[in-house]
C-alpha atoms as a PDB file:
ATOM      1  CA  MET A   1     -68.047   3.343  18.704  1.00  0.00           C
ATOM      2  CA  ALA A   2     -65.432   0.931  17.368  1.00  0.00           C
ATOM      3  CA  GLN A   3     -64.609   3.467  14.708  1.00  0.00           C
ATOM      4  CA  GLY A   4     -64.079   6.118  17.399  1.00  0.00           C
ATOM      5  CA  ILE A   5     -61.757   3.806  19.339  1.00  0.00           C
ATOM      6  CA  SER A   6     -59.696   3.046  16.219  1.00  0.00           C
ATOM      7  CA  GLU A   7     -59.419   6.718  15.387  1.00  0.00           C
ATOM      8  CA  GLY A   8     -58.304   7.464  18.938  1.00  0.00           C
ATOM      9  CA  SER A   9     -55.654   4.740  18.833  1.00  0.00           C
ATOM     10  CA  LEU A  10     -54.365   6.047  15.500  1.00  0.00           C
ATOM     11  CA  THR A  11     -54.143   9.535  16.967  1.00  0.00           C
ATOM     12  CA  THR A  12     -52.197   8.190  19.948  1.00  0.00           C
ATOM     13  CA  LYS A  13     -49.827   6.311  17.663  1.00  0.00           C
ATOM     14  CA  SER A  14     -49.279   9.410  15.544  1.00  0.00           C
ATOM     15  CA  LYS A  15     -48.451  11.439  18.633  1.00  0.00           C
ATOM     16  CA  THR A  16     -46.047   8.754  19.819  1.00  0.00           C
ATOM     17  CA  VAL A  17     -44.279   8.659  16.431  1.00  0.00           C
ATOM     18  CA  ALA A  18     -44.062  12.449  16.405  1.00  0.00           C
ATOM     19  CA  VAL A  19     -42.534  12.443  19.912  1.00  0.00           C
ATOM     20  CA  HIS A  20     -39.944   9.829  18.864  1.00  0.00           C
ATOM     21  CA  ARG A  21     -39.076  11.846  15.785  1.00  0.00           C
ATOM     22  CA  ARG A  22     -38.565  14.997  17.845  1.00  0.00           C
ATOM     23  CA  ARG A  23     -36.363  13.104  20.307  1.00  0.00           C
ATOM     24  CA  SER A  24     -34.353  11.570  17.436  1.00  0.00           C
ATOM     25  CA  LYS A  25     -33.807  15.006  15.919  1.00  0.00           C
ATOM     26  CA  ARG A  26     -32.638  16.347  19.272  1.00  0.00           C
ATOM     27  CA  TRP A  27     -30.219  13.443  19.674  1.00  0.00           C
ATOM     28  CA  LEU A  28     -28.943  13.894  16.122  1.00  0.00           C
ATOM     29  CA  THR A  29     -28.421  17.585  16.730  1.00  0.00           C
ATOM     30  CA  ARG A  30     -26.661  16.813  20.003  1.00  0.00           C
ATOM     31  CA  ASP A  31     -24.419  14.209  18.350  1.00  0.00           C
ATOM     32  CA  ARG A  32     -23.502  16.632  15.595  1.00  0.00           C
ATOM     33  CA  ILE A  33     -22.607  19.323  18.103  1.00  0.00           C
ATOM     34  CA  ILE A  34     -20.456  16.885  20.096  1.00  0.00           C
ATOM     35  CA  SER A  35     -18.758  15.673  16.899  1.00  0.00           C
ATOM     36  CA  LEU A  36     -18.038  19.228  15.804  1.00  0.00           C
ATOM     37  CA  LEU A  37     -16.631  20.093  19.239  1.00  0.00           C
ATOM     38  CA  LEU A  38     -14.356  17.030  19.133  1.00  0.00           C
ATOM     39  CA  ILE A  39     -12.884  17.802  15.715  1.00  0.00           C
ATOM     40  CA  ALA A  40     -12.818  21.570  16.166  1.00  0.00           C
ATOM     41  CA  PRO A  41      -9.360  21.734  17.868  1.00  0.00           C
ATOM     42  CA  SER A  42      -7.727  19.644  15.128  1.00  0.00           C
ATOM     43  CA  ALA A  43      -9.499  21.590  12.395  1.00  0.00           C
ATOM     44  CA  ILE A  44      -8.391  24.908  13.891  1.00  0.00           C
ATOM     45  CA  LEU A  45      -4.780  23.761  14.284  1.00  0.00           C
ATOM     46  CA  ILE A  46      -4.670  22.409  10.723  1.00  0.00           C
ATOM     47  CA  ALA A  47      -6.221  25.605   9.389  1.00  0.00           C
ATOM     48  CA  ILE A  48      -3.586  27.717  11.145  1.00  0.00           C
ATOM     49  CA  PHE A  49      -0.417  25.643  10.977  1.00  0.00           C
ATOM     50  CA  VAL A  50      -0.968  24.036   7.549  1.00  0.00           C
ATOM     51  CA  TYR A  51      -3.182  26.114   5.315  1.00  0.00           C
ATOM     52  CA  GLY A  52      -2.410  29.363   7.127  1.00  0.00           C
ATOM     53  CA  PHE A  53       1.336  28.871   6.713  1.00  0.00           C
ATOM     54  CA  ILE A  54       0.861  27.805   3.089  1.00  0.00           C
ATOM     55  CA  ALA A  55      -1.011  31.037   2.454  1.00  0.00           C
ATOM     56  CA  PHE A  56       1.677  33.042   4.257  1.00  0.00           C
ATOM     57  CA  THR A  57       4.419  31.346   2.231  1.00  0.00           C
ATOM     58  CA  GLY A  58       2.603  32.169  -0.992  1.00  0.00           C
ATOM     59  CA  PHE A  59       2.221  35.778   0.137  1.00  0.00           C
ATOM     60  CA  ALA A  60       5.891  36.027   1.139  1.00  0.00           C
ATOM     61  CA  SER A  61       6.945  34.891  -2.337  1.00  0.00           C
ATOM     62  CA  PHE A  62       5.476  38.110  -3.756  1.00  0.00           C
ATOM     63  CA  THR A  63       7.322  40.398  -1.323  1.00  0.00           C
ATOM     64  CA  LYS A  64      10.779  41.965  -1.044  1.00  0.00           C
ATOM     65  CA  TRP A  65      11.799  39.975   2.024  1.00  0.00           C
ATOM     66  CA  ASP A  66      15.497  39.361   1.268  1.00  0.00           C
ATOM     67  CA  SER A  67      17.073  39.873   4.700  1.00  0.00           C
ATOM     68  CA  LEU A  68      16.555  38.904   8.326  1.00  0.00           C
ATOM     69  CA  LEU A  69      14.226  41.857   8.794  1.00  0.00           C
ATOM     70  CA  PRO A  70      10.811  41.207   7.193  1.00  0.00           C
ATOM     71  CA  ASP A  71       9.928  43.445   4.263  1.00  0.00           C
ATOM     72  CA  PHE A  72       6.426  42.853   2.976  1.00  0.00           C
ATOM     73  CA  SER A  73       6.618  45.323   0.096  1.00  0.00           C
ATOM     74  CA  LEU A  74       4.912  43.633  -2.852  1.00  0.00           C
ATOM     75  CA  VAL A  75       7.045  43.063  -5.954  1.00  0.00           C
ATOM     76  CA  GLY A  76       4.680  40.863  -7.979  1.00  0.00           C
ATOM     77  CA  PHE A  77       6.223  37.946  -9.874  1.00  0.00           C
ATOM     78  CA  ARG A  78       9.722  39.390  -9.814  1.00  0.00           C
ATOM     79  CA  ASN A  79      11.022  36.698  -7.447  1.00  0.00           C
ATOM     80  CA  TYR A  80       9.695  33.949  -9.730  1.00  0.00           C
ATOM     81  CA  GLN A  81      11.203  35.584 -12.819  1.00  0.00           C
ATOM     82  CA  LYS A  82      14.562  35.924 -11.084  1.00  0.00           C
ATOM     83  CA  LEU A  83      14.297  32.334  -9.913  1.00  0.00           C
ATOM     84  CA  PHE A  84      13.721  30.848 -13.355  1.00  0.00           C
ATOM     85  CA  ASP A  85      16.574  32.967 -14.715  1.00  0.00           C
ATOM     86  CA  THR A  86      18.940  31.466 -12.123  1.00  0.00           C
ATOM     87  CA  VAL A  87      21.228  28.801 -13.589  1.00  0.00           C
ATOM     88  CA  ARG A  88      21.252  26.812 -10.367  1.00  0.00           C
ATOM     89  CA  PHE A  89      17.468  26.512 -10.307  1.00  0.00           C
ATOM     90  CA  GLN A  90      17.438  25.416 -13.942  1.00  0.00           C
ATOM     91  CA  ILE A  91      19.949  22.681 -13.098  1.00  0.00           C
ATOM     92  CA  ASP A  92      17.853  21.711 -10.077  1.00  0.00           C
ATOM     93  CA  LEU A  93      14.772  21.239 -12.252  1.00  0.00           C
ATOM     94  CA  GLN A  94      16.750  19.070 -14.672  1.00  0.00           C
ATOM     95  CA  ASN A  95      18.107  17.009 -11.765  1.00  0.00           C
ATOM     96  CA  THR A  96      14.582  16.572 -10.413  1.00  0.00           C
ATOM     97  CA  VAL A  97      13.306  15.283 -13.753  1.00  0.00           C
ATOM     98  CA  VAL A  98      16.230  12.853 -14.104  1.00  0.00           C
ATOM     99  CA  PHE A  99      15.906  11.690 -10.507  1.00  0.00           C
ATOM    100  CA  THR A 100      12.139  11.168 -10.764  1.00  0.00           C
ATOM    101  CA  ILE A 101      12.295   9.185 -14.008  1.00  0.00           C
ATOM    102  CA  LEU A 102      15.167   6.919 -12.947  1.00  0.00           C
ATOM    103  CA  PHE A 103      13.812   6.496  -9.421  1.00  0.00           C
ATOM    104  CA  LEU A 104      10.348   5.474 -10.613  1.00  0.00           C
ATOM    105  CA  ILE A 105      11.627   3.054 -13.258  1.00  0.00           C
ATOM    106  CA  ALA A 106      14.141   1.399 -10.916  1.00  0.00           C
ATOM    107  CA  CYS A 107      11.750   1.041  -7.952  1.00  0.00           C
ATOM    108  CA  LEU A 108       8.864  -0.268 -10.053  1.00  0.00           C
ATOM    109  CA  ALA A 109      11.052  -2.751 -11.936  1.00  0.00           C
ATOM    110  CA  ILE A 110      12.947  -4.071  -8.905  1.00  0.00           C
ATOM    111  CA  GLY A 111       9.855  -4.103  -6.697  1.00  0.00           C
ATOM    112  CA  PHE A 112       7.826  -6.023  -9.277  1.00  0.00           C
ATOM    113  CA  VAL A 113      10.572  -8.607  -9.878  1.00  0.00           C
ATOM    114  CA  LEU A 114      11.032  -9.181  -6.146  1.00  0.00           C
ATOM    115  CA  ALA A 115       7.265  -9.530  -5.686  1.00  0.00           C
ATOM    116  CA  VAL A 116       7.026 -12.072  -8.500  1.00  0.00           C
ATOM    117  CA  LEU A 117       9.878 -14.104  -6.994  1.00  0.00           C
ATOM    118  CA  LEU A 118       8.297 -14.093  -3.538  1.00  0.00           C
ATOM    119  CA  ASP A 119       4.934 -15.031  -5.033  1.00  0.00           C
ATOM    120  CA  GLN A 120       6.355 -18.394  -6.116  1.00  0.00           C
ATOM    121  CA  LYS A 121       5.798 -19.770  -2.585  1.00  0.00           C
ATOM    122  CA  ILE A 122       9.529 -20.109  -1.943  1.00  0.00           C
ATOM    123  CA  ARG A 123      10.954 -21.348   1.345  1.00  0.00           C
ATOM    124  CA  PHE A 124      11.794 -18.781   4.026  1.00  0.00           C
ATOM    125  CA  GLU A 125       9.604 -16.242   2.273  1.00  0.00           C
ATOM    126  CA  GLY A 126       9.049 -14.362   5.520  1.00  0.00           C
ATOM    127  CA  ILE A 127      12.790 -13.915   6.042  1.00  0.00           C
ATOM    128  CA  PHE A 128      13.352 -12.627   2.513  1.00  0.00           C
ATOM    129  CA  ARG A 129      10.358 -10.325   2.781  1.00  0.00           C
ATOM    130  CA  SER A 130      11.728  -8.865   6.012  1.00  0.00           C
ATOM    131  CA  ILE A 131      15.162  -8.366   4.449  1.00  0.00           C
ATOM    132  CA  PHE A 132      13.698  -6.543   1.444  1.00  0.00           C
ATOM    133  CA  LEU A 133      11.536  -4.358   3.699  1.00  0.00           C
ATOM    134  CA  PHE A 134      14.315  -3.554   6.165  1.00  0.00           C
ATOM    135  CA  PRO A 135      15.641  -0.479   4.283  1.00  0.00           C
ATOM    136  CA  LEU A 136      12.211   1.111   4.610  1.00  0.00           C
ATOM    137  CA  ALA A 137      12.684   1.220   8.399  1.00  0.00           C
ATOM    138  CA  VAL A 138      15.858   3.289   8.006  1.00  0.00           C
ATOM    139  CA  SER A 139      15.630   7.063   7.791  1.00  0.00           C
ATOM    140  CA  TYR A 140      16.871   8.912   4.727  1.00  0.00           C
ATOM    141  CA  ILE A 141      19.597  10.527   6.846  1.00  0.00           C
ATOM    142  CA  VAL A 142      21.033   7.142   7.817  1.00  0.00           C
ATOM    143  CA  THR A 143      20.694   5.911   4.239  1.00  0.00           C
ATOM    144  CA  GLY A 144      22.538   8.980   2.967  1.00  0.00           C
ATOM    145  CA  VAL A 145      25.407   8.554   5.429  1.00  0.00           C
ATOM    146  CA  VAL A 146      25.822   4.856   4.604  1.00  0.00           C
ATOM    147  CA  TRP A 147      25.703   5.326   0.845  1.00  0.00           C
ATOM    148  CA  ARG A 148      28.017   8.337   1.062  1.00  0.00           C
ATOM    149  CA  TRP A 149      30.644   5.941   2.395  1.00  0.00           C
ATOM    150  CA  LEU A 150      29.775   3.105   0.017  1.00  0.00           C
ATOM    151  CA  LEU A 151      30.012   5.367  -3.056  1.00  0.00           C
ATOM    152  CA  ASN A 152      33.078   7.229  -1.848  1.00  0.00           C
ATOM    153  CA  PRO A 153      35.530   6.994  -4.762  1.00  0.00           C
ATOM    154  CA  GLY A 154      38.559   7.028  -2.467  1.00  0.00           C
ATOM    155  CA  SER A 155      41.800   8.839  -3.227  1.00  0.00           C
ATOM    156  CA  VAL A 156      45.281   8.260  -4.584  1.00  0.00           C
ATOM    157  CA  GLN A 157      46.753   8.196  -1.083  1.00  0.00           C
ATOM    158  CA  LEU A 158      44.132   5.959   0.543  1.00  0.00           C
ATOM    159  CA  GLY A 159      43.202   3.889  -2.482  1.00  0.00           C
ATOM    160  CA  SER A 160      39.718   2.649  -3.308  1.00  0.00           C
ATOM    161  CA  THR A 161      36.928   2.440  -0.750  1.00  0.00           C
ATOM    162  CA  GLY A 162      33.373   1.179  -0.631  1.00  0.00           C
ATOM    163  CA  VAL A 163      31.937  -0.086  -3.896  1.00  0.00           C
ATOM    164  CA  ASN A 164      35.102   0.772  -5.833  1.00  0.00           C
ATOM    165  CA  LEU A 165      37.099  -1.441  -3.449  1.00  0.00           C
ATOM    166  CA  LEU A 166      34.626  -4.267  -4.102  1.00  0.00           C
ATOM    167  CA  PHE A 167      35.132  -3.837  -7.844  1.00  0.00           C
ATOM    168  CA  ASP A 168      38.901  -4.022  -7.357  1.00  0.00           C
ATOM    169  CA  ASN A 169      38.653  -7.253  -5.375  1.00  0.00           C
ATOM    170  CA  LEU A 170      36.354  -8.801  -7.984  1.00  0.00           C
ATOM    171  CA  GLY A 171      38.609  -7.830 -10.864  1.00  0.00           C
ATOM    172  CA  LEU A 172      36.046  -5.348 -12.183  1.00  0.00           C
ATOM    173  CA  GLY A 173      38.207  -2.268 -11.877  1.00  0.00           C
ATOM    174  CA  PHE A 174      36.812  -0.901 -15.158  1.00  0.00           C
ATOM    175  CA  LEU A 175      33.512  -0.244 -13.325  1.00  0.00           C
ATOM    176  CA  LYS A 176      35.133   2.145 -10.854  1.00  0.00           C
ATOM    177  CA  ASN A 177      34.151   5.796 -11.111  1.00  0.00           C
ATOM    178  CA  GLY A 178      33.773   8.943  -9.086  1.00  0.00           C
ATOM    179  CA  TRP A 179      30.072   8.437  -8.287  1.00  0.00           C
ATOM    180  CA  TYR A 180      28.655  11.562  -6.653  1.00  0.00           C
ATOM    181  CA  THR A 181      31.957  13.404  -7.068  1.00  0.00           C
ATOM    182  CA  ASP A 182      31.661  13.067 -10.838  1.00  0.00           C
ATOM    183  CA  PRO A 183      29.468  15.828 -12.350  1.00  0.00           C
ATOM    184  CA  SER A 184      28.372  13.478 -15.128  1.00  0.00           C
ATOM    185  CA  ILE A 185      26.836  11.109 -12.548  1.00  0.00           C
ATOM    186  CA  GLY A 186      25.837  13.406  -9.687  1.00  0.00           C
ATOM    187  CA  ILE A 187      22.119  12.887  -9.031  1.00  0.00           C
ATOM    188  CA  LYS A 188      22.229   9.335 -10.431  1.00  0.00           C
ATOM    189  CA  ALA A 189      24.239   8.274  -7.383  1.00  0.00           C
ATOM    190  CA  VAL A 190      21.408   9.555  -5.187  1.00  0.00           C
ATOM    191  CA  VAL A 191      18.982   7.464  -7.258  1.00  0.00           C
ATOM    192  CA  ILE A 192      20.890   4.315  -6.254  1.00  0.00           C
ATOM    193  CA  ALA A 193      20.486   5.062  -2.545  1.00  0.00           C
ATOM    194  CA  ALA A 194      16.829   6.061  -2.882  1.00  0.00           C
ATOM    195  CA  THR A 195      16.040   2.932  -4.910  1.00  0.00           C
ATOM    196  CA  TRP A 196      17.706   0.739  -2.296  1.00  0.00           C
ATOM    197  CA  GLN A 197      15.439   2.221   0.353  1.00  0.00           C
ATOM    198  CA  MET A 198      12.086   2.275  -1.475  1.00  0.00           C
ATOM    199  CA  SER A 199      12.127  -0.761  -3.785  1.00  0.00           C
ATOM    200  CA  GLY A 200      11.133  -3.015  -0.874  1.00  0.00           C
ATOM    201  CA  TYR A 201       8.067  -0.876  -0.259  1.00  0.00           C
ATOM    202  CA  VAL A 202       7.016  -1.248  -3.896  1.00  0.00           C
ATOM    203  CA  MET A 203       7.663  -4.978  -3.578  1.00  0.00           C
ATOM    204  CA  ALA A 204       5.215  -5.161  -0.661  1.00  0.00           C
ATOM    205  CA  MET A 205       2.559  -3.295  -2.664  1.00  0.00           C
ATOM    206  CA  TYR A 206       2.932  -5.568  -5.688  1.00  0.00           C
ATOM    207  CA  LEU A 207       3.041  -8.696  -3.532  1.00  0.00           C
ATOM    208  CA  ALA A 208      -0.246  -7.723  -1.884  1.00  0.00           C
ATOM    209  CA  GLY A 209      -1.728  -7.163  -5.335  1.00  0.00           C
ATOM    210  CA  LEU A 210      -0.473 -10.504  -6.633  1.00  0.00           C
ATOM    211  CA  ARG A 211      -1.886 -12.352  -3.632  1.00  0.00           C
ATOM    212  CA  GLY A 212      -5.247 -10.700  -4.280  1.00  0.00           C
ATOM    213  CA  ILE A 213      -5.543 -12.099  -7.815  1.00  0.00           C
ATOM    214  CA  PRO A 214      -7.553 -15.349  -7.869  1.00  0.00           C
ATOM    215  CA  GLU A 215      -5.554 -18.386  -8.888  1.00  0.00           C
ATOM    216  CA  ASP A 216      -8.501 -19.493 -11.045  1.00  0.00           C
ATOM    217  CA  LEU A 217      -7.684 -16.757 -13.575  1.00  0.00           C
ATOM    218  CA  ARG A 218      -4.170 -18.089 -14.052  1.00  0.00           C
ATOM    219  CA  GLU A 219      -5.350 -21.682 -14.295  1.00  0.00           C
ATOM    220  CA  ALA A 220      -7.957 -20.711 -16.894  1.00  0.00           C
ATOM    221  CA  ALA A 221      -5.290 -18.941 -18.941  1.00  0.00           C
ATOM    222  CA  ARG A 222      -2.995 -21.980 -18.745  1.00  0.00           C
ATOM    223  CA  VAL A 223      -5.834 -24.212 -19.915  1.00  0.00           C
ATOM    224  CA  ASP A 224      -6.283 -21.892 -22.903  1.00  0.00           C
ATOM    225  CA  GLY A 225      -2.605 -22.416 -23.768  1.00  0.00           C
ATOM    226  CA  ALA A 226      -1.075 -19.199 -22.399  1.00  0.00           C
ATOM    227  CA  ASN A 227       2.474 -19.383 -21.087  1.00  0.00           C
ATOM    228  CA  GLU A 228       3.672 -17.597 -17.931  1.00  0.00           C
ATOM    229  CA  PHE A 229       4.912 -14.544 -19.823  1.00  0.00           C
ATOM    230  CA  GLU A 230       1.554 -14.123 -21.556  1.00  0.00           C
ATOM    231  CA  ILE A 231      -0.274 -14.576 -18.249  1.00  0.00           C
ATOM    232  CA  TYR A 232       1.695 -11.767 -16.640  1.00  0.00           C
ATOM    233  CA  ARG A 233       1.413  -9.559 -19.695  1.00  0.00           C
ATOM    234  CA  HIS A 234      -2.298  -9.938 -20.419  1.00  0.00           C
ATOM    235  CA  ILE A 235      -3.756 -10.767 -16.998  1.00  0.00           C
ATOM    236  CA  ILE A 236      -1.494  -9.920 -14.056  1.00  0.00           C
ATOM    237  CA  LEU A 237      -0.120  -6.557 -15.178  1.00  0.00           C
ATOM    238  CA  PRO A 238      -3.518  -5.091 -16.195  1.00  0.00           C
ATOM    239  CA  LEU A 239      -4.981  -6.140 -12.838  1.00  0.00           C
ATOM    240  CA  LEU A 240      -2.031  -4.508 -11.056  1.00  0.00           C
ATOM    241  CA  GLN A 241      -2.566  -1.121 -12.724  1.00  0.00           C
ATOM    242  CA  PRO A 242      -4.143   0.446  -9.580  1.00  0.00           C
ATOM    243  CA  ILE A 243      -1.134  -0.726  -7.559  1.00  0.00           C
ATOM    244  CA  THR A 244       1.240   0.726 -10.136  1.00  0.00           C
ATOM    245  CA  LEU A 245      -0.629   4.026 -10.170  1.00  0.00           C
ATOM    246  CA  GLY A 246      -0.527   4.260  -6.388  1.00  0.00           C
ATOM    247  CA  ALA A 247       3.190   3.480  -6.329  1.00  0.00           C
ATOM    248  CA  VAL A 248       3.891   6.100  -9.001  1.00  0.00           C
ATOM    249  CA  ILE A 249       1.999   8.748  -7.030  1.00  0.00           C
ATOM    250  CA  ILE A 250       3.743   7.932  -3.743  1.00  0.00           C
ATOM    251  CA  LEU A 251       7.230   7.675  -5.221  1.00  0.00           C
ATOM    252  CA  GLY A 252       6.656  10.643  -7.509  1.00  0.00           C
ATOM    253  CA  HIS A 253       5.765  13.086  -4.759  1.00  0.00           C
ATOM    254  CA  MET A 254       8.695  11.806  -2.667  1.00  0.00           C
ATOM    255  CA  SER A 255      11.122  12.386  -5.526  1.00  0.00           C
ATOM    256  CA  LEU A 256       9.844  15.916  -6.132  1.00  0.00           C
ATOM    257  CA  LYS A 257      10.533  17.032  -2.563  1.00  0.00           C
ATOM    258  CA  ILE A 258      13.627  14.918  -1.804  1.00  0.00           C
ATOM    259  CA  PHE A 259      15.875  16.760   0.639  1.00  0.00           C
ATOM    260  CA  ASP A 260      17.306  14.809   3.578  1.00  0.00           C
ATOM    261  CA  LEU A 261      18.954  12.132   1.422  1.00  0.00           C
ATOM    262  CA  VAL A 262      20.742  14.791  -0.628  1.00  0.00           C
ATOM    263  CA  VAL A 263      21.826  16.670   2.516  1.00  0.00           C
ATOM    264  CA  ALA A 264      23.301  13.573   4.147  1.00  0.00           C
ATOM    265  CA  MET A 265      24.821  12.056   1.028  1.00  0.00           C
ATOM    266  CA  THR A 266      26.101  14.624  -1.446  1.00  0.00           C
ATOM    267  CA  GLY A 267      24.966  18.191  -0.828  1.00  0.00           C
ATOM    268  CA  PRO A 268      24.717  20.250  -4.011  1.00  0.00           C
ATOM    269  CA  GLY A 269      27.649  18.341  -5.510  1.00  0.00           C
ATOM    270  CA  PRO A 270      30.202  19.599  -8.013  1.00  0.00           C
ATOM    271  CA  ALA A 271      28.631  22.064 -10.455  1.00  0.00           C
ATOM    272  CA  PHE A 272      25.285  21.468  -8.684  1.00  0.00           C
ATOM    273  CA  SER A 273      25.193  17.996 -10.235  1.00  0.00           C
ATOM    274  CA  SER A 274      23.227  16.555  -7.303  1.00  0.00           C
ATOM    275  CA  ASP A 275      21.390  19.693  -6.217  1.00  0.00           C
ATOM    276  CA  VAL A 276      17.590  19.680  -5.941  1.00  0.00           C
ATOM    277  CA  PRO A 277      14.990  22.447  -5.470  1.00  0.00           C
ATOM    278  CA  ALA A 278      14.329  21.544  -1.816  1.00  0.00           C
ATOM    279  CA  PHE A 279      18.025  21.880  -0.948  1.00  0.00           C
ATOM    280  CA  PHE A 280      18.235  25.133  -2.925  1.00  0.00           C
ATOM    281  CA  MET A 281      15.217  26.407  -0.978  1.00  0.00           C
ATOM    282  CA  TRP A 282      16.881  25.630   2.358  1.00  0.00           C
ATOM    283  CA  ASP A 283      20.178  27.116   1.191  1.00  0.00           C
ATOM    284  CA  THR A 284      18.519  30.279  -0.110  1.00  0.00           C
ATOM    285  CA  THR A 285      16.302  30.805   2.929  1.00  0.00           C
ATOM    286  CA  PHE A 286      18.489  29.924   5.889  1.00  0.00           C
ATOM    287  CA  ARG A 287      21.957  30.621   4.529  1.00  0.00           C
ATOM    288  CA  GLY A 288      21.266  33.449   2.126  1.00  0.00           C
ATOM    289  CA  ASN A 289      18.429  34.950   4.230  1.00  0.00           C
ATOM    290  CA  ASN A 290      16.443  35.504   1.019  1.00  0.00           C
ATOM    291  CA  PHE A 291      13.118  34.466   2.455  1.00  0.00           C
ATOM    292  CA  ALA A 292      11.039  35.711  -0.465  1.00  0.00           C
ATOM    293  CA  GLN A 293      12.945  33.641  -3.008  1.00  0.00           C
ATOM    294  CA  GLY A 294      12.886  30.620  -0.687  1.00  0.00           C
ATOM    295  CA  ALA A 295       9.120  31.015  -0.374  1.00  0.00           C
ATOM    296  CA  GLY A 296       8.924  31.118  -4.157  1.00  0.00           C
ATOM    297  CA  ILE A 297      10.765  27.797  -4.445  1.00  0.00           C
ATOM    298  CA  ALA A 298       8.486  26.276  -1.794  1.00  0.00           C
ATOM    299  CA  THR A 299       5.390  27.506  -3.640  1.00  0.00           C
ATOM    300  CA  ILE A 300       6.625  26.012  -6.920  1.00  0.00           C
ATOM    301  CA  LEU A 301       7.288  22.670  -5.204  1.00  0.00           C
ATOM    302  CA  LEU A 302       3.815  22.724  -3.679  1.00  0.00           C
ATOM    303  CA  ALA A 303       2.249  23.457  -7.057  1.00  0.00           C
ATOM    304  CA  VAL A 304       4.170  20.632  -8.759  1.00  0.00           C
ATOM    305  CA  VAL A 305       3.239  18.130  -6.047  1.00  0.00           C
ATOM    306  CA  ALA A 306      -0.398  19.267  -6.200  1.00  0.00           C
ATOM    307  CA  VAL A 307      -0.457  18.691  -9.957  1.00  0.00           C
ATOM    308  CA  LEU A 308       0.567  15.103  -9.260  1.00  0.00           C
ATOM    309  CA  ILE A 309      -1.545  14.407  -6.163  1.00  0.00           C
ATOM    310  CA  VAL A 310      -4.855  16.233  -6.744  1.00  0.00           C
ATOM    311  CA  PRO A 311      -5.864  14.360  -9.957  1.00  0.00           C
ATOM    312  CA  TYR A 312      -5.091  11.073  -8.218  1.00  0.00           C
ATOM    313  CA  LEU A 313      -7.274  12.017  -5.225  1.00  0.00           C
ATOM    314  CA  ILE A 314     -10.120  13.007  -7.549  1.00  0.00           C
ATOM    315  CA  TYR A 315      -9.752   9.737  -9.467  1.00  0.00           C
ATOM    316  CA  SER A 316      -9.706   7.691  -6.245  1.00  0.00           C
ATOM    317  CA  THR A 317     -12.781   9.478  -4.885  1.00  0.00           C
ATOM    318  CA  ARG A 318     -14.761   8.901  -8.079  1.00  0.00           C
ATOM    319  CA  THR A 319     -13.695   5.257  -8.222  1.00  0.00           C
ATOM    320  CA  GLU A 320     -14.797   4.642  -4.631  1.00  0.00           C
ATOM    321  CA  ALA A 321     -18.102   6.412  -5.295  1.00  0.00           C
ATOM    322  CA  GLU A 322     -18.762   4.198  -8.325  1.00  0.00           C
ATOM    323  CA  VAL A 323     -17.997   1.057  -6.344  1.00  0.00           C
END
């Protein structure tokens, strides 16, 4: 009889567990449906207005759409061939390479030095940190307008202005030059303005990384006889490699699609010395009404940025999965 009671209780428990499982499955299904309904509007909008427009831009780059009236006659890679044969686009690619290299080196170097100085527990650190980060709060348009005036070479009638006037007052007249009006400088003048704006951001990234390194590692290295230079070279810099990689990715993709700073500061410049692909795309599309060629430039920019961003995203995902 006892055995029958135990078997009955086990059967009751099994039924209860089965009921709870069915209820849990229903709730899980309900939660999934609600979650899908909540994200569906955003997913649909992103699919249409991001990926849909990307696909349309790629399609337009293979058409004969070179006027206000759309012409979707397919021409294959003719627009891309014509584009790479264009002298202006070749100069734009060279300017982009020069801008990216100089911009990355300057921002990383200045940002790291500023972070190291602030990491010394100096007085009024908060004030200095705010000053260094202030340019980041300014838009590229404002930055371009300000630096257009600062780097204005002046004229014979009006004399020197901006930075050249400062050089005159300091007795450093030999440093005066035409800045963005000089074809030999061109895009390098834009690098100065861009570095001024973004070096503080890199400083904040490096400072966060430095504050995350345990002080015990430095003390152990000092006990072993390492000087400060060796500590930074063999301990600090290797530990900051993820920060450096992140900064390179962020600054790199910004430099590849730079547009508003060039528009506000220099335009294409003399002999296209400060022209960039994004400005050429806007000029070709909305001034020249050559929408197919403009779409081709946009597609090339997207491909270049993807080559830089996608491997980093894959690397970050794998690193997080391993952790």
